[in-house]
Amino acid sequence: MRMVQVNPDELPANQTVDIRDLMDMVWRRKWLIMFVTLVFTALAAGYSYTRIPEYTSTATVLVRPILTNPLETNPIEQVSVQTELRIATSASVGQVAAEKLGLPRSAVPDLIDNVSVSSPAETQILEISYVAHGRKEAQEGAQAFADAYLEFKSKQAIDTISEYTSKLQTNIQQVTTQISDLNNRIVTTPRRTALWQDLLNRRTSLEATRLALQNQLTTLSSLNVDAGQVIQPAQLPLAPSSPNHELNLALGVIVGLVIGVAAASIGERARQSRPSEVMLEQYLDAPILGAIPRSRVTLGRLARPAIIGDPRGRAAESYLLLRTNLLAVNGSRGDKTVMITSGVRGEGKTTTAVNLSAALAQMGKEVILVSADLRNPRLHSFFGIPNTYGLIQILSGETGFDDALHKTMIPRLRVLPSGPPSSAGEPVEQLQSDLMLEVLARCTEAADIVVIDSAPVLPVADSLVLAPVVDGVLFVADARKATRDAIVQCRYQLSQVGGRIIGGVLTGIAPRSSRIHSYDSRKDFRQLFHRTRKESSAEDEVPEPNGSKPMRPSTPTPARTRQSSGGERRTRPPRDESGPVAS
C-alpha cells in the first residue's frame, strides 16, 4: 500500500490572527502576565534600592592648541579631540589628579575607573565627569582631573620647549666656537690667497647658520603653552545620579510585561498544540462525538469498563453521551462496522472501544467487539477473558469463528480477542486478506453493531488496511498527548486510503474542563430538583370538591427520561418506593 506524506499545515479552517486574538490571549493569561511583571518589578526595585547611591560631578574644559605660533591664522585645527579624550583619562593625568587629591599612586587605577570624558560634536570642549559615593568627593574628583589635564598638557609643552631650547643653544654655541676658530685662522693667513678666501666663505656660512638658529630660539619663546581653561568648574551635585529608581522600576515593568506576554504566548501555543474539542473537530473535519474525562477505573491492570466499575461517574456519563451521538450520526446511514483508532499508542482507543461497546449493549444492541490490534492487544484484559484463541487464529485457519468468540459479563456484548501476538505473522497481510472480510461479514450477521479496536495510525499500517472496509472510523485523541500535526497527518492518511472519519473522541481531559459535565454535580441536581418542585407546585395541587384549601399530593419521584437512538425521548414511569414499577 502506498503511504502518502502530507503537509500538516493544510487546514480547512481559517487561521488568520488579528489584534483581537492577541487581546483575548492576554486576557486569558492576565494572571500569568501580572505575576511575571510583578516579579521583574520587584527584582528591579530590590536591585535599585539596595545599591549605594552614586553622585556625578562634571567640569567643562576648553581645549586650546599648544606648541603653535600665535601668528598662525587657524591654529585650532591642530587639536585632535579624540587624542585629548584619551589623554584626559591616561595614567599620567591620573597621577597628577591623585597628587591634587592627596592620594597615593596606588589609587590611580581606581580614580581612572571613576572618570569619564566626553566631547560635544563639532566642539573643542571636554566634559570631564567623576563618579563617587559622596557629593564632595565627586566634585573634588571632577575638578582635580580637569586641573590635572590642563597642568599635564602645559607641563608637557613647557618640557618640549625647554628640550628644543637647550638643543638650539648647544648648536649655537658650537657654531660660535667654529666661527671663532675661523677668525683666528683668517688673521694668520695671507690675504687674498685661495685659503684666505675659503676661510672667509666658511665663516660666512657659519654665521648664516648661527643666525637661523638664533631665529628658531626666538620663535620657541613665542610658542603657545596654554592648554586651555576650565570654563565650567565642577559643581556640588544635589541628587545622586545612580541608581535612578524611576527608570529602573519602569524598565522592570517593561521587561516584565514583555517576558510575561512572551511566556503567555508560549503557553498559549503549547495549549493550542494540544487539541481541545473545537480544535479536534477542526483538525479532523468531523464532528466531536464525545469528550471523555480521566478516570482511574479504566487504568492499570485491573481496568474495567467505566459504566460497570463506576456507573454514576463522569466517565460513564461521557460514554453514554458518546453512544447517543454515535447512534445519531449512524442512524440515517445504517452503518454497522465502526473502527476505533488513534494517532499513537496510549491515547485511549481501546478503553473507548470497550466502554462504547458496553454502552451500546446496555441499551439493547447486539454488539461484537473485535480486537484488531494484533501487535499490542489489551482489550481482553477489561473483561478477564483468555487471549489463547482469537482473530489471529481465525485468519491463520487454526480455529473457527464461533470458537474464538467470547461472551462477557455484559448481556448482548461478545468479544473477539486478537489471540497471542507471538503467533501472528505479518499483521498487515493478515488484516488485508479475504479471511478478514469474511470475519467482518460474520460479525455483521451476528450483531447489530461491530466495534473494531485497531492499531494506531502513525506507527503501523494496520488501521489503514481496515479503514476502507469498515463503514466508519472513530478517531480518538488524548488531550495531553496528541498534537495538531499528528492528528492532521492521520486524517490525510485515512482519507487517502478511502477511510471515512465519522467523528472524533477527545480523551484524557480534566474532569472540570469539559463543558458537557457542567450539569453533573449532585448540588446542581438537588437545586434543579427543588426548583422544579417549586415551579410545578401550583399544577400539582388537587382542589377539594367542598371548596376547602387544596390538598397537595405526596412528593413523587421524578420520572427518568431516556433518549433512543433515533432521537426520540422515552419516559420511564416513576418507581414506587415499595418495589415494582408503577403502571
Protein backbone atom coordinates (compact mmCIF):
# COMPACT_ATOMS: atom_id res chain seq x y z
CA MET A 1 0.00 0.00 0.00
CA ARG A 2 1.26 3.46 -0.89
CA MET A 3 1.82 5.81 2.08
CA VAL A 4 1.39 9.49 1.33
CA GLN A 5 3.20 12.17 3.30
CA VAL A 6 1.22 15.38 3.54
CA ASN A 7 1.77 18.88 4.78
CA PRO A 8 0.27 19.25 8.30
CA ASP A 9 -0.17 22.98 7.75
CA GLU A 10 -3.04 22.41 5.35
CA LEU A 11 -6.09 23.03 7.48
CA PRO A 12 -9.65 23.53 6.36
CA ALA A 13 -10.38 26.33 8.75
CA ASN A 14 -9.27 29.94 8.64
CA GLN A 15 -6.04 30.55 10.52
CA THR A 16 -5.94 34.35 10.41
CA VAL A 17 -4.76 36.17 13.51
CA ASP A 18 -5.75 39.71 14.38
CA ILE A 19 -5.36 42.06 17.30
CA ARG A 20 -8.48 40.65 18.94
CA ASP A 21 -6.88 37.23 19.17
CA LEU A 22 -3.86 38.80 20.83
CA MET A 23 -6.02 40.71 23.29
CA ASP A 24 -8.02 37.58 24.05
CA MET A 25 -4.80 35.70 24.72
CA VAL A 26 -3.59 38.49 27.02
CA TRP A 27 -6.88 38.46 28.87
CA ARG A 28 -6.85 34.68 29.30
CA ARG A 29 -3.28 34.78 30.59
CA LYS A 30 -3.61 38.04 32.51
CA TRP A 31 -2.72 36.49 35.86
CA LEU A 32 0.47 34.95 34.46
CA ILE A 33 1.44 38.25 32.83
CA MET A 34 0.69 40.18 36.02
CA PHE A 35 2.70 37.70 38.09
CA VAL A 36 5.75 37.88 35.80
CA THR A 37 5.50 41.68 35.68
CA LEU A 38 5.33 41.92 39.46
CA VAL A 39 8.31 39.58 39.82
CA PHE A 40 10.51 41.61 37.49
CA THR A 41 9.33 44.88 39.02
CA ALA A 42 10.19 43.55 42.46
CA LEU A 43 13.60 42.44 41.22
CA ALA A 44 14.22 45.86 39.69
CA ALA A 45 13.11 47.59 42.89
CA GLY A 46 15.31 45.33 45.00
CA TYR A 47 18.28 45.99 42.76
CA SER A 48 17.67 49.73 42.68
CA TYR A 49 17.02 50.36 46.37
CA THR A 50 19.85 48.13 47.63
CA ARG A 51 22.55 49.89 45.61
CA ILE A 52 24.71 52.55 47.27
CA PRO A 53 23.88 56.00 45.84
CA GLU A 54 26.46 57.46 43.50
CA TYR A 55 26.96 61.15 42.70
CA THR A 56 28.35 62.60 39.47
CA SER A 57 30.01 65.98 39.04
CA THR A 58 31.22 67.44 35.73
CA ALA A 59 33.84 70.07 34.89
CA THR A 60 33.93 71.62 31.40
CA VAL A 61 37.31 72.40 29.81
CA LEU A 62 38.00 74.46 26.67
CA VAL A 63 40.96 72.94 24.81
CA ARG A 64 43.49 75.18 23.03
CA PRO A 65 46.24 74.09 20.64
CA ILE A 66 49.75 74.26 22.10
CA LEU A 67 53.25 74.45 20.60
CA THR A 68 51.88 76.62 17.77
CA ASN A 69 52.91 80.02 16.53
CA PRO A 70 50.45 82.63 17.76
CA LEU A 71 50.68 84.35 14.37
CA GLU A 72 49.17 81.33 12.57
CA THR A 73 45.78 82.06 11.01
CA ASN A 74 43.90 78.90 12.13
CA PRO A 75 45.79 77.11 14.88
CA ILE A 76 42.67 75.46 16.38
CA GLU A 77 42.59 72.85 13.61
CA GLN A 78 45.69 71.31 15.12
CA VAL A 79 43.67 69.94 18.08
CA SER A 80 42.61 66.26 17.84
CA VAL A 81 39.65 65.81 20.17
CA GLN A 82 39.91 62.03 20.17
CA THR A 83 43.53 62.30 21.24
CA GLU A 84 42.64 64.72 24.02
CA LEU A 85 39.91 62.33 25.27
CA ARG A 86 42.48 59.59 25.68
CA ILE A 87 44.98 61.90 27.33
CA ALA A 88 42.41 63.10 29.87
CA THR A 89 41.84 59.50 31.04
CA SER A 90 45.50 58.42 30.90
CA ALA A 91 47.53 57.21 33.84
CA SER A 92 49.77 60.29 33.62
CA VAL A 93 46.84 62.63 34.18
CA GLY A 94 45.58 60.27 36.86
CA GLN A 95 48.85 60.61 38.76
CA VAL A 96 48.59 64.39 38.70
CA ALA A 97 44.97 64.17 39.88
CA ALA A 98 45.96 61.80 42.69
CA GLU A 99 48.57 64.29 43.85
CA LYS A 100 45.97 67.06 43.89
CA LEU A 101 43.59 64.87 45.91
CA GLY A 102 46.34 63.81 48.28
CA LEU A 103 46.10 60.14 47.34
CA PRO A 104 48.94 57.68 46.74
CA ARG A 105 49.86 56.48 43.27
CA SER A 106 48.28 53.10 44.02
CA ALA A 107 44.87 54.82 43.90
CA VAL A 108 45.35 55.89 40.27
CA PRO A 109 43.56 52.84 38.69
CA ASP A 110 40.51 53.39 40.89
CA LEU A 111 40.45 57.08 40.02
CA ILE A 112 40.61 56.32 36.29
CA ASP A 113 37.73 53.82 36.63
CA ASN A 114 35.54 56.56 38.10
CA VAL A 115 36.25 59.23 35.49
CA SER A 116 34.68 59.61 32.07
CA VAL A 117 35.31 62.21 29.37
CA SER A 118 33.07 63.22 26.50
CA SER A 119 33.02 65.95 23.90
CA PRO A 120 30.02 67.54 22.20
CA ALA A 121 30.09 67.18 18.45
CA GLU A 122 31.95 69.81 16.43
CA THR A 123 33.44 71.48 19.52
CA GLN A 124 36.81 71.77 21.27
CA ILE A 125 35.25 71.17 24.68
CA LEU A 126 35.89 68.30 27.08
CA GLU A 127 33.32 67.35 29.70
CA ILE A 128 35.16 65.56 32.50
CA SER A 129 32.82 63.68 34.86
CA TYR A 130 33.71 61.91 38.07
CA VAL A 131 31.52 59.40 39.95
CA ALA A 132 31.82 58.86 43.70
CA HIS A 133 29.69 57.76 46.63
CA GLY A 134 29.93 61.18 48.22
CA ARG A 135 28.84 64.56 46.85
CA LYS A 136 32.01 66.38 47.85
CA GLU A 137 34.21 63.54 46.65
CA ALA A 138 32.54 63.66 43.21
CA GLN A 139 33.06 67.42 42.92
CA GLU A 140 36.69 67.27 44.01
CA GLY A 141 37.42 64.37 41.69
CA ALA A 142 36.00 66.09 38.60
CA GLN A 143 37.81 69.36 39.36
CA ALA A 144 41.07 67.54 40.12
CA PHE A 145 41.01 65.73 36.76
CA ALA A 146 40.19 68.95 34.88
CA ASP A 147 43.08 70.80 36.52
CA ALA A 148 45.37 67.81 36.16
CA TYR A 149 44.62 67.58 32.45
CA LEU A 150 45.47 71.25 31.85
CA GLU A 151 48.53 71.05 34.06
CA PHE A 152 49.78 67.93 32.33
CA LYS A 153 49.30 69.49 28.90
CA SER A 154 51.05 72.71 29.90
CA LYS A 155 53.92 70.90 31.56
CA GLN A 156 54.28 68.68 28.52
CA ALA A 157 54.52 71.77 26.28
CA ILE A 158 57.00 73.51 28.57
CA ASP A 159 59.18 70.43 28.75
CA THR A 160 59.14 70.16 24.98
CA ILE A 161 60.11 73.84 24.57
CA SER A 162 62.86 73.50 27.15
CA GLU A 163 64.26 70.49 25.36
CA TYR A 164 64.28 72.28 22.00
CA THR A 165 65.76 75.44 23.56
CA SER A 166 68.60 73.50 25.13
CA LYS A 167 69.40 71.84 21.84
CA LEU A 168 69.35 75.15 19.95
CA GLN A 169 71.57 76.85 22.49
CA THR A 170 74.05 73.98 22.28
CA ASN A 171 74.08 74.22 18.48
CA ILE A 172 74.55 77.99 18.59
CA GLN A 173 77.43 77.61 20.97
CA GLN A 174 79.10 75.08 18.70
CA VAL A 175 78.65 77.32 15.64
CA THR A 176 80.04 80.30 17.57
CA THR A 177 83.11 78.30 18.55
CA GLN A 178 83.67 77.29 14.94
CA ILE A 179 83.37 80.93 13.80
CA SER A 180 85.91 81.98 16.43
CA ASP A 181 88.35 79.36 15.19
CA LEU A 182 87.94 80.56 11.62
CA ASN A 183 88.57 84.17 12.67
CA ASN A 184 91.84 83.16 14.25
CA ARG A 185 92.90 81.31 11.12
CA ILE A 186 91.89 84.18 8.87
CA VAL A 187 94.13 86.60 10.79
CA THR A 188 97.18 84.38 10.30
CA THR A 189 96.50 83.57 6.68
CA PRO A 190 97.97 85.76 3.87
CA ARG A 191 95.33 87.96 2.44
CA ARG A 192 93.83 87.36 -0.98
CA THR A 193 95.09 83.88 -1.17
CA ALA A 194 92.87 80.96 -2.02
CA LEU A 195 92.98 79.63 1.53
CA TRP A 196 92.12 83.03 2.92
CA GLN A 197 89.10 83.27 0.58
CA ASP A 198 87.93 79.78 1.54
CA LEU A 199 88.09 80.60 5.23
CA LEU A 200 86.03 83.73 4.63
CA ASN A 201 83.36 81.73 2.80
CA ARG A 202 83.16 79.13 5.58
CA ARG A 203 82.81 81.85 8.20
CA THR A 204 80.02 83.49 6.25
CA SER A 205 78.17 80.15 6.05
CA LEU A 206 78.54 79.50 9.77
CA GLU A 207 77.30 82.99 10.60
CA ALA A 208 74.20 82.37 8.49
CA THR A 209 73.63 79.08 10.33
CA ARG A 210 74.02 80.79 13.69
CA LEU A 211 71.54 83.44 12.68
CA ALA A 212 68.98 80.81 11.67
CA LEU A 213 69.44 79.01 14.97
CA GLN A 214 69.02 82.28 16.85
CA ASN A 215 65.80 82.93 14.94
CA GLN A 216 64.50 79.47 15.90
CA LEU A 217 65.34 80.16 19.50
CA THR A 218 63.43 83.40 19.32
CA THR A 219 60.46 81.55 17.79
CA LEU A 220 60.42 78.99 20.62
CA SER A 221 59.98 81.76 23.14
CA SER A 222 56.80 82.83 21.37
CA LEU A 223 55.15 79.36 21.23
CA ASN A 224 51.79 78.87 22.98
CA VAL A 225 51.91 76.70 26.10
CA ASP A 226 48.35 77.43 27.30
CA ALA A 227 46.49 74.10 27.05
CA GLY A 228 43.13 75.68 27.71
CA GLN A 229 40.97 76.68 30.66
CA VAL A 230 38.17 75.43 32.84
CA ILE A 231 35.09 77.26 31.59
CA GLN A 232 32.68 75.46 33.96
CA PRO A 233 34.09 74.32 37.31
CA ALA A 234 32.77 71.13 38.87
CA GLN A 235 29.59 71.73 40.87
CA LEU A 236 28.43 70.02 44.04
CA PRO A 237 25.78 67.51 42.89
CA LEU A 238 22.37 67.92 44.54
CA ALA A 239 20.98 64.43 43.89
CA PRO A 240 22.50 61.03 43.20
CA SER A 241 22.92 60.11 39.56
CA SER A 242 22.63 56.42 40.30
CA PRO A 243 20.53 54.46 40.95
CA ASN A 244 17.65 56.03 39.04
CA HIS A 245 14.71 54.45 40.85
CA GLU A 246 12.06 55.67 38.42
CA LEU A 247 13.98 54.42 35.39
CA ASN A 248 14.81 51.08 37.00
CA LEU A 249 11.18 50.48 38.01
CA ALA A 250 9.97 51.47 34.55
CA LEU A 251 12.46 49.08 32.96
CA GLY A 252 11.36 46.36 35.38
CA VAL A 253 7.72 46.85 34.38
CA ILE A 254 8.54 46.90 30.67
CA VAL A 255 10.77 43.83 30.83
CA GLY A 256 8.20 42.04 32.98
CA LEU A 257 5.42 42.80 30.53
CA VAL A 258 7.49 41.70 27.55
CA ILE A 259 8.59 38.45 29.20
CA GLY A 260 5.09 37.90 30.61
CA VAL A 261 3.46 38.27 27.21
CA ALA A 262 6.17 36.05 25.67
CA ALA A 263 5.59 33.40 28.34
CA ALA A 264 1.83 33.69 27.82
CA SER A 265 2.30 33.32 24.08
CA ILE A 266 4.48 30.24 24.55
CA GLY A 267 1.93 28.79 26.95
CA GLU A 268 -0.87 29.58 24.53
CA ARG A 269 0.98 27.90 21.68
CA ALA A 270 1.64 24.89 23.87
CA ARG A 271 -2.04 24.80 24.80
CA GLN A 272 -3.12 25.17 21.20
CA SER A 273 -0.77 22.38 20.14
CA ARG A 274 -2.84 20.10 22.42
CA PRO A 275 -6.30 19.69 20.91
CA SER A 276 -9.46 20.93 22.53
CA GLU A 277 -12.88 19.77 21.41
CA VAL A 278 -13.19 22.64 18.93
CA MET A 279 -9.65 22.19 17.63
CA LEU A 280 -10.03 18.43 17.22
CA GLU A 281 -13.18 19.00 15.22
CA GLN A 282 -11.28 21.47 13.06
CA TYR A 283 -8.28 19.20 12.52
CA LEU A 284 -10.40 16.12 11.69
CA ASP A 285 -13.04 18.00 9.70
CA ALA A 286 -15.54 15.78 11.51
CA PRO A 287 -17.90 16.26 14.48
CA ILE A 288 -16.72 15.53 18.00
CA LEU A 289 -18.94 12.82 19.42
CA GLY A 290 -17.51 12.64 22.93
CA ALA A 291 -15.18 14.23 25.46
CA ILE A 292 -14.00 11.66 27.99
CA PRO A 293 -12.54 12.80 31.34
CA ARG A 294 -9.73 10.94 33.08
CA SER A 295 -10.87 8.04 35.25
CA ARG A 296 -8.88 5.67 37.48
CA VAL A 297 -11.39 2.92 36.77
CA THR A 298 -10.06 2.39 33.23
CA LEU A 299 -6.36 2.46 34.16
CA GLY A 300 -3.94 -0.19 35.42
CA ARG A 301 -4.01 -3.97 35.34
CA LEU A 302 -7.48 -4.16 36.88
CA ALA A 303 -9.01 -1.88 34.25
CA ARG A 304 -12.69 -2.46 33.57
CA PRO A 305 -15.47 -0.66 31.71
CA ALA A 306 -16.30 2.62 33.40
CA ILE A 307 -20.05 2.06 33.08
CA ILE A 308 -19.59 -1.11 35.13
CA GLY A 309 -16.91 -0.03 37.59
CA ASP A 310 -18.31 3.48 38.21
CA PRO A 311 -21.73 3.76 36.56
CA ARG A 312 -22.51 7.14 38.19
CA GLY A 313 -19.13 8.65 37.39
CA ARG A 314 -18.34 11.35 34.90
CA ALA A 315 -16.55 8.94 32.57
CA ALA A 316 -19.56 6.63 32.41
CA GLU A 317 -21.87 9.54 31.59
CA SER A 318 -19.46 10.66 28.87
CA TYR A 319 -19.50 7.25 27.23
CA LEU A 320 -23.31 7.21 27.32
CA LEU A 321 -23.30 10.57 25.56
CA LEU A 322 -20.78 9.20 23.04
CA ARG A 323 -23.15 6.29 22.39
CA THR A 324 -26.06 8.65 21.80
CA ASN A 325 -24.06 10.84 19.41
CA LEU A 326 -22.70 7.84 17.51
CA LEU A 327 -26.18 6.40 17.01
CA ALA A 328 -27.42 9.79 15.86
CA VAL A 329 -24.63 10.01 13.29
CA ASN A 330 -25.12 6.43 12.04
CA GLY A 331 -28.89 6.48 12.27
CA SER A 332 -29.51 7.82 8.77
CA ARG A 333 -26.86 5.64 7.09
CA GLY A 334 -27.38 2.33 8.85
CA ASP A 335 -23.65 1.77 9.42
CA LYS A 336 -22.80 -1.37 11.35
CA THR A 337 -18.98 -1.56 11.50
CA VAL A 338 -17.08 1.15 13.35
CA MET A 339 -13.28 1.07 13.63
CA ILE A 340 -11.73 2.95 16.56
CA THR A 341 -8.15 4.12 16.18
CA SER A 342 -5.78 6.88 17.30
CA GLY A 343 -2.58 8.57 16.21
CA VAL A 344 -0.16 6.85 18.57
CA ARG A 345 -0.27 4.33 21.37
CA GLY A 346 -1.72 5.23 24.76
CA GLU A 347 -4.42 7.70 23.71
CA GLY A 348 -7.36 5.61 24.97
CA LYS A 349 -8.67 3.92 21.82
CA THR A 350 -9.05 0.50 23.48
CA THR A 351 -10.73 2.00 26.55
CA THR A 352 -13.08 3.92 24.28
CA ALA A 353 -13.90 0.81 22.26
CA VAL A 354 -14.65 -1.22 25.41
CA ASN A 355 -16.87 1.38 27.05
CA LEU A 356 -18.68 2.32 23.85
CA SER A 357 -19.45 -1.36 23.19
CA ALA A 358 -20.69 -1.83 26.76
CA ALA A 359 -22.88 1.24 26.50
CA LEU A 360 -24.38 0.05 23.21
CA ALA A 361 -25.07 -3.40 24.68
CA GLN A 362 -26.75 -1.90 27.72
CA MET A 363 -29.36 -0.20 25.55
CA GLY A 364 -30.27 -3.48 23.90
CA LYS A 365 -27.96 -3.62 20.89
CA GLU A 366 -26.25 -6.86 19.94
CA VAL A 367 -22.58 -5.86 19.89
CA ILE A 368 -19.43 -7.71 18.87
CA LEU A 369 -16.18 -6.12 19.95
CA VAL A 370 -13.22 -7.14 17.77
CA SER A 371 -9.60 -6.75 18.88
CA ALA A 372 -7.82 -5.98 15.60
CA ASP A 373 -4.71 -4.63 17.31
CA LEU A 374 -2.57 -7.67 16.61
CA ARG A 375 0.64 -6.15 17.96
CA ASN A 376 -0.28 -4.87 21.43
CA PRO A 377 -3.67 -6.35 22.36
CA ARG A 378 -5.21 -5.18 25.63
CA LEU A 379 -8.92 -5.47 25.04
CA HIS A 380 -9.36 -8.91 26.63
CA SER A 381 -7.98 -7.70 29.98
CA PHE A 382 -11.04 -5.46 30.52
CA PHE A 383 -13.32 -8.50 30.65
CA GLY A 384 -10.98 -11.05 32.21
CA ILE A 385 -11.24 -13.41 29.26
CA PRO A 386 -8.33 -15.54 27.98
CA ASN A 387 -6.40 -14.49 24.91
CA THR A 388 -5.50 -18.02 23.86
CA TYR A 389 -7.55 -18.05 20.66
CA GLY A 390 -8.75 -15.11 18.68
CA LEU A 391 -8.63 -13.21 15.42
CA ILE A 392 -5.07 -14.29 14.63
CA GLN A 393 -6.00 -17.98 14.87
CA ILE A 394 -9.11 -17.44 12.71
CA LEU A 395 -7.06 -15.72 10.00
CA SER A 396 -4.44 -18.48 10.13
CA GLY A 397 -7.09 -21.22 9.99
CA GLU A 398 -6.34 -22.70 13.39
CA THR A 399 -9.82 -22.18 14.86
CA GLY A 400 -13.31 -21.22 13.83
CA PHE A 401 -15.22 -18.01 14.29
CA ASP A 402 -17.67 -19.36 16.88
CA ASP A 403 -14.91 -20.95 18.96
CA ALA A 404 -12.97 -17.69 19.25
CA LEU A 405 -15.99 -15.56 20.20
CA HIS A 406 -16.42 -14.98 23.96
CA LYS A 407 -19.38 -13.85 25.99
CA THR A 408 -18.86 -11.19 28.68
CA MET A 409 -20.47 -10.20 31.97
CA ILE A 410 -22.48 -7.64 29.98
CA PRO A 411 -25.50 -9.14 28.23
CA ARG A 412 -25.56 -8.85 24.43
CA LEU A 413 -21.85 -7.98 24.31
CA ARG A 414 -19.46 -10.54 22.83
CA VAL A 415 -15.72 -10.12 22.36
CA LEU A 416 -13.43 -11.46 19.67
CA PRO A 417 -9.90 -11.16 21.12
CA SER A 418 -6.81 -10.89 18.99
CA GLY A 419 -5.05 -14.03 20.17
CA PRO A 420 -1.39 -14.27 21.22
CA PRO A 421 0.73 -11.71 19.33
CA SER A 422 3.63 -14.20 19.18
CA SER A 423 1.64 -16.45 16.86
CA ALA A 424 0.87 -13.68 14.40
CA GLY A 425 2.57 -13.45 11.03
CA GLU A 426 2.64 -10.13 9.25
CA PRO A 427 -0.36 -8.23 10.70
CA VAL A 428 -0.86 -6.04 7.64
CA GLU A 429 -1.09 -9.02 5.31
CA GLN A 430 -3.45 -10.89 7.64
CA LEU A 431 -5.78 -7.92 8.05
CA GLN A 432 -5.78 -7.33 4.29
CA SER A 433 -6.69 -10.93 3.47
CA ASP A 434 -10.05 -12.23 2.25
CA LEU A 435 -10.49 -14.11 5.53
CA MET A 436 -10.64 -10.77 7.35
CA LEU A 437 -13.51 -9.69 5.10
CA GLU A 438 -15.29 -12.95 5.92
CA VAL A 439 -14.79 -12.36 9.66
CA LEU A 440 -16.31 -8.89 9.36
CA ALA A 441 -19.22 -10.30 7.36
CA ARG A 442 -19.88 -12.96 10.04
CA CYS A 443 -19.77 -10.26 12.72
CA THR A 444 -22.27 -8.04 10.93
CA GLU A 445 -24.63 -11.03 10.51
CA ALA A 446 -24.43 -11.90 14.20
CA ALA A 447 -24.65 -8.39 15.69
CA ASP A 448 -26.35 -5.07 15.27
CA ILE A 449 -23.09 -3.13 15.65
CA VAL A 450 -19.48 -4.27 15.27
CA VAL A 451 -16.84 -2.21 17.09
CA ILE A 452 -13.23 -2.81 15.97
CA ASP A 453 -10.28 -1.85 18.14
CA SER A 454 -7.39 -1.32 15.71
CA ALA A 455 -3.73 -0.30 15.94
CA PRO A 456 -2.61 3.36 15.91
CA VAL A 457 -2.31 5.02 12.51
CA LEU A 458 1.15 6.57 12.62
CA PRO A 459 3.41 3.71 13.82
CA VAL A 460 1.99 0.93 11.58
CA ALA A 461 -0.28 0.50 8.58
CA ASP A 462 -2.74 -1.95 10.21
CA SER A 463 -5.54 0.59 10.57
CA LEU A 464 -5.05 1.90 7.05
CA VAL A 465 -5.86 -1.50 5.50
CA LEU A 466 -9.03 -1.80 7.63
CA ALA A 467 -10.28 1.75 7.09
CA PRO A 468 -11.63 1.15 3.53
CA VAL A 469 -13.60 -1.98 4.50
CA VAL A 470 -15.44 -0.57 7.54
CA ASP A 471 -18.42 1.77 7.49
CA GLY A 472 -16.79 4.47 9.57
CA VAL A 473 -13.74 5.41 11.59
CA LEU A 474 -13.92 6.91 15.09
CA PHE A 475 -10.69 8.77 15.83
CA VAL A 476 -9.51 9.03 19.45
CA ALA A 477 -7.08 11.78 20.55
CA ASP A 478 -5.66 12.34 24.01
CA ALA A 479 -5.82 15.97 25.13
CA ARG A 480 -2.43 15.61 26.83
CA LYS A 481 -0.51 13.68 24.17
CA ALA A 482 -1.98 14.35 20.74
CA THR A 483 -0.57 17.14 18.61
CA ARG A 484 -2.01 19.11 15.76
CA ASP A 485 0.47 17.75 13.22
CA ALA A 486 -0.17 14.13 14.23
CA ILE A 487 -3.96 14.49 14.01
CA VAL A 488 -3.86 16.16 10.61
CA GLN A 489 -1.39 13.58 9.35
CA CYS A 490 -3.68 10.75 10.46
CA ARG A 491 -6.68 12.39 8.85
CA TYR A 492 -4.94 12.69 5.49
CA GLN A 493 -3.62 9.15 5.59
CA LEU A 494 -7.05 7.73 6.40
CA SER A 495 -8.71 9.77 3.67
CA GLN A 496 -6.00 8.75 1.21
CA VAL A 497 -6.89 5.05 1.56
CA GLY A 498 -10.64 5.72 1.39
CA GLY A 499 -11.46 5.70 5.10
CA ARG A 500 -14.39 7.81 6.34
CA ILE A 501 -13.94 9.54 9.68
CA ILE A 502 -17.40 9.79 11.20
CA GLY A 503 -16.30 11.60 14.34
CA GLY A 504 -13.68 12.19 16.98
CA VAL A 505 -13.35 11.47 20.68
CA LEU A 506 -11.21 13.62 22.96
CA THR A 507 -9.89 11.66 25.93
CA GLY A 508 -7.79 12.45 28.96
CA ILE A 509 -9.37 15.83 29.68
CA ALA A 510 -9.57 17.23 33.18
CA PRO A 511 -12.96 16.36 34.75
CA ARG A 512 -13.85 20.02 35.32
CA SER A 513 -12.69 21.27 31.96
CA SER A 514 -15.35 19.62 29.82
CA ARG A 515 -18.39 21.72 29.18
CA ILE A 516 -20.60 18.64 28.93
CA HIS A 517 -20.21 17.99 32.66
CA SER A 518 -21.20 21.42 33.91
CA TYR A 519 -24.57 19.95 34.95
CA ASP A 520 -23.26 16.79 36.56
CA SER A 521 -22.73 17.65 40.24
CA ARG A 522 -25.11 16.46 42.94
CA LYS A 523 -25.51 20.01 44.20
CA ASP A 524 -26.73 21.21 40.80
CA PHE A 525 -29.13 18.23 40.59
CA ARG A 526 -30.61 18.96 44.01
CA GLN A 527 -31.04 22.64 43.17
CA LEU A 528 -32.76 21.76 39.88
CA PHE A 529 -34.97 19.16 41.60
CA HIS A 530 -36.18 21.56 44.29
CA ARG A 531 -36.67 24.37 41.76
CA THR A 532 -38.75 22.03 39.57
CA ARG A 533 -40.91 21.09 42.56
CA LYS A 534 -41.46 24.73 43.46
CA GLU A 535 -42.37 25.79 39.90
CA SER A 536 -44.77 22.88 39.44
CA SER A 537 -46.39 23.09 42.89
CA ALA A 538 -49.39 25.04 41.55
CA GLU A 539 -50.06 22.46 38.88
CA ASP A 540 -49.77 19.58 41.35
CA GLU A 541 -52.34 20.96 43.79
CA VAL A 542 -55.60 18.92 43.85
CA PRO A 543 -58.78 21.03 44.59
CA GLU A 544 -61.22 19.67 47.14
CA PRO A 545 -64.82 19.29 46.00
CA ASN A 546 -66.21 21.14 49.05
CA GLY A 547 -64.19 24.28 48.23
CA SER A 548 -61.72 23.88 51.11
CA LYS A 549 -57.99 24.54 50.82
CA PRO A 550 -56.40 22.47 48.07
CA MET A 551 -54.55 19.43 49.25
CA ARG A 552 -51.00 18.79 47.92
CA PRO A 553 -50.25 15.20 46.98
CA SER A 554 -47.26 13.33 48.30
CA THR A 555 -43.93 14.13 46.64
CA PRO A 556 -43.49 11.90 43.63
CA THR A 557 -40.24 10.51 42.39
CA PRO A 558 -39.25 12.41 39.22
CA ALA A 559 -39.64 10.41 36.09
CA ARG A 560 -36.46 9.35 34.32
CA THR A 561 -36.10 10.04 30.63
CA ARG A 562 -34.03 8.12 28.21
CA GLN A 563 -33.16 9.04 24.65
CA SER A 564 -33.34 6.38 21.99
CA SER A 565 -31.02 6.04 19.03
CA GLY A 566 -33.40 7.89 16.75
CA GLY A 567 -33.58 10.93 18.98
CA GLU A 568 -37.00 10.00 20.49
CA ARG A 569 -37.23 10.55 24.25
CA ARG A 570 -38.87 7.73 26.20
CA THR A 571 -40.24 8.40 29.63
CA ARG A 572 -39.78 5.71 32.23
CA PRO A 573 -42.62 5.75 34.82
CA PRO A 574 -41.69 6.60 38.41
CA ARG A 575 -40.66 3.72 40.60
CA ASP A 576 -42.84 3.01 43.61
CA GLU A 577 -40.99 3.02 46.91
CA SER A 578 -42.47 -0.40 47.71
CA GLY A 579 -40.82 -2.15 44.80
CA PRO A 580 -42.25 -2.77 41.32
CA VAL A 581 -42.57 -0.18 38.64
CA ALA A 582 -45.81 1.78 38.83
CA SER A 583 -48.11 1.29 35.92
